[in-house]
Protein backbone atom coordinates (compact mmCIF):
# COMPACT_ATOMS: atom_id res chain seq x y z
CA ARG A 1 -12.75 -27.04 11.77
CA ALA A 2 -14.99 -25.66 14.51
CA LYS A 3 -12.54 -22.81 15.15
CA TRP A 4 -12.50 -21.91 11.47
CA ASP A 5 -16.30 -22.01 11.31
CA ALA A 6 -16.52 -19.70 14.33
CA LEU A 7 -14.03 -17.30 12.76
CA ALA A 8 -15.84 -17.37 9.41
CA GLN A 9 -19.16 -16.54 11.06
CA GLY A 10 -17.78 -13.82 13.35
CA PRO A 11 -14.75 -11.60 12.78
CA LEU A 12 -14.01 -12.78 9.24
CA LYS A 13 -17.59 -12.19 8.12
CA GLU A 14 -17.55 -8.74 9.73
CA PHE A 15 -14.22 -7.89 8.07
CA SER A 16 -15.54 -9.00 4.69
CA ARG A 17 -18.69 -6.94 5.15
CA GLN A 18 -16.88 -3.82 6.35
CA TYR A 19 -13.77 -3.84 4.15
CA GLY A 20 -13.63 -6.71 1.66
CA LYS A 21 -16.68 -5.92 -0.41
CA ALA A 22 -16.21 -2.15 -0.17
CA ILE A 23 -12.61 -2.32 -1.39
CA GLU A 24 -12.80 -5.20 -3.89
CA GLN A 25 -16.20 -4.65 -5.44
CA ARG A 26 -16.79 -0.91 -5.09
CA GLN A 27 -13.14 0.25 -5.14
CA ASP A 28 -13.89 2.40 -2.06
CA GLU A 29 -10.71 4.46 -1.61
CA ALA A 30 -11.82 5.78 1.81
CA LYS A 31 -12.22 2.22 3.16
CA LEU A 32 -8.85 1.23 1.67
CA HIS A 33 -7.19 4.22 3.34
CA GLN A 34 -8.90 3.37 6.65
CA LEU A 35 -7.74 -0.26 6.47
CA ARG A 36 -4.17 0.77 5.65
CA ARG A 37 -4.17 3.24 8.55
CA LEU A 38 -5.41 0.53 10.94
CA THR A 39 -2.92 -2.13 9.82
CA ALA A 40 0.17 0.06 9.24
CA PRO A 41 1.47 -0.15 12.84
CA PHE A 42 1.51 -3.94 12.59
CA LEU A 43 3.43 -4.18 9.31
CA LEU A 44 7.21 -4.24 9.34
CA ARG A 45 8.78 -3.42 6.02
CA ARG A 46 12.53 -3.43 5.72
CA LEU A 47 14.22 -3.02 2.36
CA LYS A 48 17.83 -3.83 1.64
CA THR A 49 18.01 -0.58 -0.32
CA ASP A 50 17.23 1.40 2.85
CA LYS A 51 20.62 2.81 3.94
CA ALA A 52 19.45 3.02 7.57
CA ILE A 53 19.08 -0.74 7.95
CA ILE A 54 21.58 -2.22 5.52
CA ALA A 55 24.22 -2.54 8.26
CA ASP A 56 21.76 -4.48 10.45
CA LEU A 57 21.23 -7.21 7.87
CA PRO A 58 23.53 -10.23 7.96
CA ASP A 59 25.41 -11.44 4.91
CA LYS A 60 23.45 -13.77 2.70
CA VAL A 61 24.29 -17.41 3.30
CA ALA A 62 23.44 -19.95 0.61
CA ILE A 63 23.89 -23.63 1.26
CA ASP A 64 23.18 -26.05 -1.57
CA GLU A 65 21.93 -29.42 -0.41
CA TYR A 66 21.56 -32.31 -2.83
CA ALA A 67 19.51 -35.46 -2.42
CA ALA A 68 19.38 -38.50 -4.65
CA LEU A 69 15.97 -39.48 -5.99
CA SER A 70 14.81 -43.06 -6.08
CA ALA A 71 13.88 -44.48 -9.49
CA ALA A 72 10.17 -43.98 -8.70
CA GLN A 73 10.73 -40.38 -7.56
CA ALA A 74 12.82 -39.60 -10.65
CA ALA A 75 10.11 -41.04 -12.92
CA MET A 76 7.42 -39.01 -11.15
CA TYR A 77 9.52 -35.84 -11.36
CA GLN A 78 10.18 -36.39 -15.06
CA ALA A 79 6.45 -36.95 -15.68
CA VAL A 80 5.64 -33.63 -14.01
CA VAL A 81 8.34 -31.85 -16.03
CA ASP A 82 7.10 -33.37 -19.29
CA ASN A 83 3.48 -32.51 -18.49
CA THR A 84 4.41 -28.92 -17.62
CA LEU A 85 6.41 -28.50 -20.81
CA ASP A 86 3.51 -29.88 -22.86
CA THR A 87 1.08 -27.50 -21.13
CA LEU A 88 3.38 -24.52 -21.77
CA ALA A 89 3.83 -25.50 -25.42
CA ALA A 90 0.06 -25.81 -25.87
CA ALA A 91 -0.48 -22.42 -24.20
CA ARG A 92 2.13 -20.84 -26.47
CA ASP A 93 0.32 -22.13 -29.56
CA ASP A 94 -3.16 -21.19 -28.25
CA PRO A 95 -4.40 -17.83 -29.60
CA ASP A 96 -6.27 -17.20 -26.31
CA PRO A 97 -4.37 -19.07 -23.55
CA LEU A 98 -6.23 -17.34 -20.70
CA LYS A 99 -9.72 -18.52 -21.64
CA ARG A 100 -11.24 -21.17 -19.40
CA LYS A 101 -11.06 -24.70 -20.71
CA GLU A 102 -14.22 -26.79 -20.36
CA SER A 103 -13.52 -30.04 -18.51
């Protein structure tokens, strides 16, 4: 926790002040461009559609692993599934599903 606190008070706070607020709140395109220029050398982006690298990529390997659930695990899983389905059904019937619900 002490390391996080030190980071939050130092570099993270400085980053937020210099870039975060400018980009998120003021939509400062110049700051966004500056941040992208600074971080670009550290980002590696490889796309499978890029013909130059497709030969370097290995074939996709998919291995399905199955595990049996105990009765308690199966019941808990089913409860989560049922709750999720109920939530989705309620959201589908709600005329404004994105509004905040008061707890």
